[in-house]
Amino acid sequence: MAYKFYIDPSVNCVFVLHYGEFHVDDPIQQYKEMLEHPQYLPDMNVLRDVLTTSLPVEYGFKFFSDRTTERYKNIEPHMGDCKVAWVLGTGKDYATMHQYNLTTRFGPLLRIERKPFRTIEDAKVWLDVPADFEINYDASDA
């Protein structure tokens, strides 16, 4: 587990910072913690900052096609209608998350809109987070 997150209801967003080694199950574990957090409400957006680490080598089209529905079936229904922005530091990771999007586009996990980004600024625009909003991961109590 190499991540921390905090929730800011004023901008309807959960901010997640990944660092160190990104484990295959980190997103699932983080979502479970998020859903149990007292500040979390359904329909909150998520900004997942992966700029300083890399996605696991296991991630790819086949991994996502074979496992995504089963892995997220008990999580995503509780998240409601929201957006998840993945901010990625490399072109390879950007392409990997695009593959993830392709595998979820026509399946049962349709309520969540996902999109990869290369900058925090672009992700904030898409999530309707004000440009001058400062992300403060040190505010995390998770």
Foldseek 3Di string as FASTA:
>chain_A
DAKFWDDDVVLLEIEMEGEDEDDPCVVLVVLVVLLPDPPDQAAREYEYEAQHHAHDPPQALVCLLVPVCVSCVVRLVRNAQYEYEYAYNDPVRQVSVVSNQVNCCPDPNPRYHYHYHPDPQVVCVVSVNDSPDDDDSVVTPD
